[in-house]
């Protein structure tokens, strides 16, 4: 009961500071085809791109150094050039490593645990983290709420984007041979063919990588 009380206080505190929060403002997303690491299904009129935020310059948009904590931020961009809504209710995403390990995007709770108390479980963190305006936990929850990819429908002739945080160990970096697999995208009742995007497409576009 006490842990639930602390959780309620934490959530109330996050809401209380929404008014003066720092707005998360990534650069505007372009059409998915404009990114080096993309795959287009021209017959289905849908394109998907991934854009790792693996350099200090790109990662400056975040207040948290996710890579130091073992998370690789990857921006997911989906462009729908069809005349119908693209539905993402059944979207499945996996990061497949060179060793063929399959990693799903981290949840807010996963990142919260790592940020607050890496060696404690979530309920223990709620017990011991002081909840104040300056607490990193509050700011972490707030930033993730704004940054993470949300599987809302993508309207006709529009693009949506958001961030995936992949727990691949630290310091996290994209690796040649890994790829991002997406399935479950639908237009109406029709499920689209899966997307499989190699990280190498991104790495080959980056001098020095």
Protein backbone atom coordinates (compact mmCIF):
# COMPACT_ATOMS: atom_id res chain seq x y z
CA UNK A 1 0.00 0.00 0.00
CA UNK A 2 2.83 2.35 0.87
CA UNK A 3 4.51 1.73 -2.51
CA UNK A 4 1.23 2.56 -4.27
CA UNK A 5 1.04 5.80 -2.30
CA UNK A 6 4.54 6.80 -3.40
CA UNK A 7 3.67 5.97 -7.01
CA UNK A 8 0.58 8.16 -6.80
CA UNK A 9 2.68 11.00 -5.38
CA UNK A 10 5.23 10.60 -8.18
CA UNK A 11 2.56 10.73 -10.89
CA UNK A 12 0.90 13.71 -9.24
CA UNK A 13 4.26 15.49 -9.10
CA UNK A 14 4.91 14.85 -12.79
CA UNK A 15 1.51 16.33 -13.66
CA UNK A 16 2.06 19.30 -11.34
CA UNK A 17 5.18 20.37 -13.23
CA UNK A 18 3.78 19.95 -16.76
CA UNK A 19 3.17 23.69 -16.97
CA UNK A 20 6.84 24.67 -16.67
CA UNK A 21 8.44 21.57 -18.17
CA UNK A 22 11.09 21.76 -20.84
CA UNK A 23 9.39 20.83 -24.10
CA UNK A 24 11.13 18.00 -25.91
CA UNK A 25 11.80 19.38 -29.38
CA UNK A 26 13.47 17.02 -31.88
CA UNK A 27 14.15 18.25 -35.42
CA UNK A 28 11.09 17.87 -37.67
CA UNK A 29 10.82 14.47 -39.30
CA UNK A 30 11.16 14.36 -43.08
CA UNK A 31 9.63 11.74 -45.36
CA UNK A 32 10.96 8.28 -44.53
CA UNK A 33 12.50 7.91 -47.99
CA UNK A 34 14.88 10.80 -47.27
CA UNK A 35 16.79 8.84 -44.60
CA UNK A 36 19.68 6.53 -45.56
CA UNK A 37 18.29 3.60 -43.53
CA UNK A 38 14.82 3.12 -44.99
CA UNK A 39 12.69 0.58 -46.77
CA UNK A 40 9.86 1.47 -49.15
CA UNK A 41 6.96 -0.69 -50.27
CA UNK A 42 5.89 1.26 -53.31
CA UNK A 43 3.04 -1.12 -54.11
CA UNK A 44 1.63 -0.61 -50.61
CA UNK A 45 2.62 3.09 -50.58
CA UNK A 46 4.30 2.96 -47.16
CA UNK A 47 7.90 3.73 -46.22
CA UNK A 48 9.70 3.18 -42.90
CA UNK A 49 13.04 4.63 -41.79
CA UNK A 50 15.27 4.38 -38.74
CA UNK A 51 17.68 7.08 -37.60
CA UNK A 52 19.99 6.22 -34.66
CA UNK A 53 20.83 9.14 -32.35
CA UNK A 54 24.27 7.77 -31.56
CA UNK A 55 26.48 10.86 -31.71
CA UNK A 56 26.87 13.61 -29.07
CA UNK A 57 25.57 16.19 -31.52
CA UNK A 58 22.37 14.32 -32.31
CA UNK A 59 21.83 13.13 -28.73
CA UNK A 60 21.96 16.71 -27.47
CA UNK A 61 18.19 16.90 -27.87
CA UNK A 62 17.86 14.64 -24.80
CA UNK A 63 18.54 15.74 -21.23
CA UNK A 64 19.51 12.16 -20.33
CA UNK A 65 22.54 10.35 -21.72
CA UNK A 66 20.70 7.18 -22.67
CA UNK A 67 23.73 5.59 -24.35
CA UNK A 68 25.73 5.72 -21.10
CA UNK A 69 22.89 3.81 -19.47
CA UNK A 70 22.96 1.13 -22.17
CA UNK A 71 20.04 2.35 -24.30
CA UNK A 72 20.39 3.18 -27.99
CA UNK A 73 17.85 5.83 -29.07
CA UNK A 74 16.58 5.22 -32.59
CA UNK A 75 14.08 7.50 -34.24
CA UNK A 76 11.38 5.60 -36.13
CA UNK A 77 9.80 7.41 -39.08
CA UNK A 78 6.75 6.05 -40.91
CA UNK A 79 5.37 7.71 -44.05
CA UNK A 80 1.96 6.79 -45.44
CA UNK A 81 1.51 7.83 -49.07
CA UNK A 82 -1.77 5.97 -49.51
CA UNK A 83 -5.28 7.41 -49.40
CA UNK A 84 -6.24 5.45 -46.28
CA UNK A 85 -5.24 5.42 -42.62
CA UNK A 86 -2.27 3.24 -41.74
CA UNK A 87 -3.10 1.31 -38.56
CA UNK A 88 -0.39 0.46 -36.02
CA UNK A 89 -2.48 -1.29 -33.35
CA UNK A 90 -0.69 -4.59 -33.97
CA UNK A 91 2.75 -3.11 -34.66
CA UNK A 92 5.63 -5.39 -33.62
CA UNK A 93 9.19 -4.07 -33.45
CA UNK A 94 12.40 -5.99 -32.82
CA UNK A 95 16.06 -5.05 -32.91
CA UNK A 96 17.93 -8.12 -34.13
CA UNK A 97 21.60 -8.20 -33.18
CA UNK A 98 24.49 -9.72 -35.11
CA UNK A 99 24.18 -12.75 -32.81
CA UNK A 100 20.48 -13.00 -33.76
CA UNK A 101 19.26 -11.91 -30.33
CA UNK A 102 15.87 -10.22 -30.54
CA UNK A 103 15.38 -7.09 -28.43
CA UNK A 104 12.08 -5.25 -28.08
CA UNK A 105 12.04 -1.51 -27.37
CA UNK A 106 12.37 -0.66 -23.69
CA UNK A 107 9.30 0.51 -21.80
CA UNK A 108 9.14 3.63 -19.68
CA UNK A 109 9.43 1.42 -16.58
CA UNK A 110 12.58 -0.24 -17.95
CA UNK A 111 14.28 3.12 -18.42
CA UNK A 112 12.90 4.47 -15.15
CA UNK A 113 14.47 1.60 -13.22
CA UNK A 114 17.87 2.18 -14.83
CA UNK A 115 17.72 5.95 -14.23
CA UNK A 116 16.44 5.85 -10.66
CA UNK A 117 17.94 2.79 -8.97
CA UNK A 118 19.73 0.35 -11.28
CA UNK A 119 20.05 -2.31 -8.56
CA UNK A 120 16.56 -2.03 -7.12
CA UNK A 121 13.15 -3.09 -8.33
CA UNK A 122 10.52 -0.54 -9.31
CA UNK A 123 8.54 -0.61 -6.06
CA UNK A 124 11.71 -0.09 -4.02
CA UNK A 125 12.63 2.88 -6.18
CA UNK A 126 9.24 4.43 -5.42
CA UNK A 127 9.93 3.98 -1.72
CA UNK A 128 13.31 5.69 -1.69
CA UNK A 129 13.48 8.33 -4.44
CA UNK A 130 12.64 11.78 -3.07
CA UNK A 131 9.90 13.27 -5.24
CA UNK A 132 10.72 16.91 -5.90
CA UNK A 133 10.66 19.25 -8.88
CA UNK A 134 14.39 18.66 -9.42
CA UNK A 135 14.28 14.88 -9.18
CA UNK A 136 15.77 13.18 -12.22
CA UNK A 137 13.00 10.59 -12.05
CA UNK A 138 10.29 13.19 -12.69
CA UNK A 139 12.22 14.68 -15.59
CA UNK A 140 12.95 11.25 -17.02
CA UNK A 141 9.28 10.26 -17.03
CA UNK A 142 8.36 13.61 -18.56
CA UNK A 143 10.92 13.39 -21.39
CA UNK A 144 10.02 9.80 -22.22
CA UNK A 145 6.35 10.72 -22.31
CA UNK A 146 7.11 13.24 -25.03
CA UNK A 147 9.81 11.32 -26.94
CA UNK A 148 8.70 7.70 -27.21
CA UNK A 149 7.06 6.41 -30.36
CA UNK A 150 3.28 6.08 -30.01
CA UNK A 151 1.48 3.62 -32.27
CA UNK A 152 -1.31 5.96 -33.35
CA UNK A 153 -2.82 5.68 -36.86
CA UNK A 154 -0.86 7.49 -39.58
CA UNK A 155 -3.21 9.55 -41.72
CA UNK A 156 -3.22 9.52 -45.53
CA UNK A 157 -0.23 11.27 -47.11
CA UNK A 158 1.39 12.00 -43.75
CA UNK A 159 4.43 11.08 -41.68
CA UNK A 160 4.74 10.20 -38.00
CA UNK A 161 7.84 9.68 -35.85
CA UNK A 162 9.01 8.93 -32.35
CA UNK A 163 11.89 7.30 -30.50
CA UNK A 164 12.60 3.70 -29.63
CA UNK A 165 15.03 3.06 -26.75
CA UNK A 166 16.83 -0.24 -27.21
CA UNK A 167 18.54 -1.91 -24.26
CA UNK A 168 21.60 -3.29 -26.04
CA UNK A 169 24.21 -2.68 -23.33
CA UNK A 170 26.56 0.22 -22.84
CA UNK A 171 27.97 2.28 -24.17
CA UNK A 172 25.25 1.48 -26.68
CA UNK A 173 26.08 1.88 -30.36
CA UNK A 174 24.58 0.65 -33.64
CA UNK A 175 26.42 -2.32 -35.09
CA UNK A 176 26.89 -3.43 -38.67
CA UNK A 177 24.95 -6.63 -39.23
CA UNK A 178 22.10 -5.68 -36.88
CA UNK A 179 18.71 -4.70 -38.25
CA UNK A 180 15.30 -3.46 -37.17
CA UNK A 181 12.29 -5.62 -38.00
CA UNK A 182 8.72 -4.25 -38.09
CA UNK A 183 5.50 -6.13 -38.78
CA UNK A 184 1.79 -5.77 -38.10
CA UNK A 185 1.17 -2.54 -40.03
CA UNK A 186 -2.29 -2.58 -41.63
CA UNK A 187 -4.33 -0.61 -44.11
CA UNK A 188 -7.90 -1.58 -43.38
CA UNK A 189 -7.87 -5.32 -42.70
CA UNK A 190 -4.89 -5.96 -44.95
CA UNK A 191 -1.57 -6.51 -43.18
CA UNK A 192 1.41 -5.09 -45.02
CA UNK A 193 4.52 -7.09 -45.80
CA UNK A 194 7.09 -6.80 -43.02
CA UNK A 195 9.91 -4.21 -43.03
CA UNK A 196 13.50 -5.24 -42.34
CA UNK A 197 16.01 -2.37 -42.21
CA UNK A 198 19.75 -3.03 -41.80
CA UNK A 199 21.69 -0.69 -39.51
CA UNK A 200 24.47 -0.90 -42.08
CA UNK A 201 22.52 1.45 -44.33
CA UNK A 202 22.88 4.12 -41.66
CA UNK A 203 26.49 3.32 -40.80
CA UNK A 204 27.55 3.46 -44.45
CA UNK A 205 26.19 7.00 -44.67
CA UNK A 206 28.30 8.20 -41.70
CA UNK A 207 31.94 9.11 -42.41
CA UNK A 208 34.26 7.36 -39.97
CA UNK A 209 31.76 4.68 -38.92
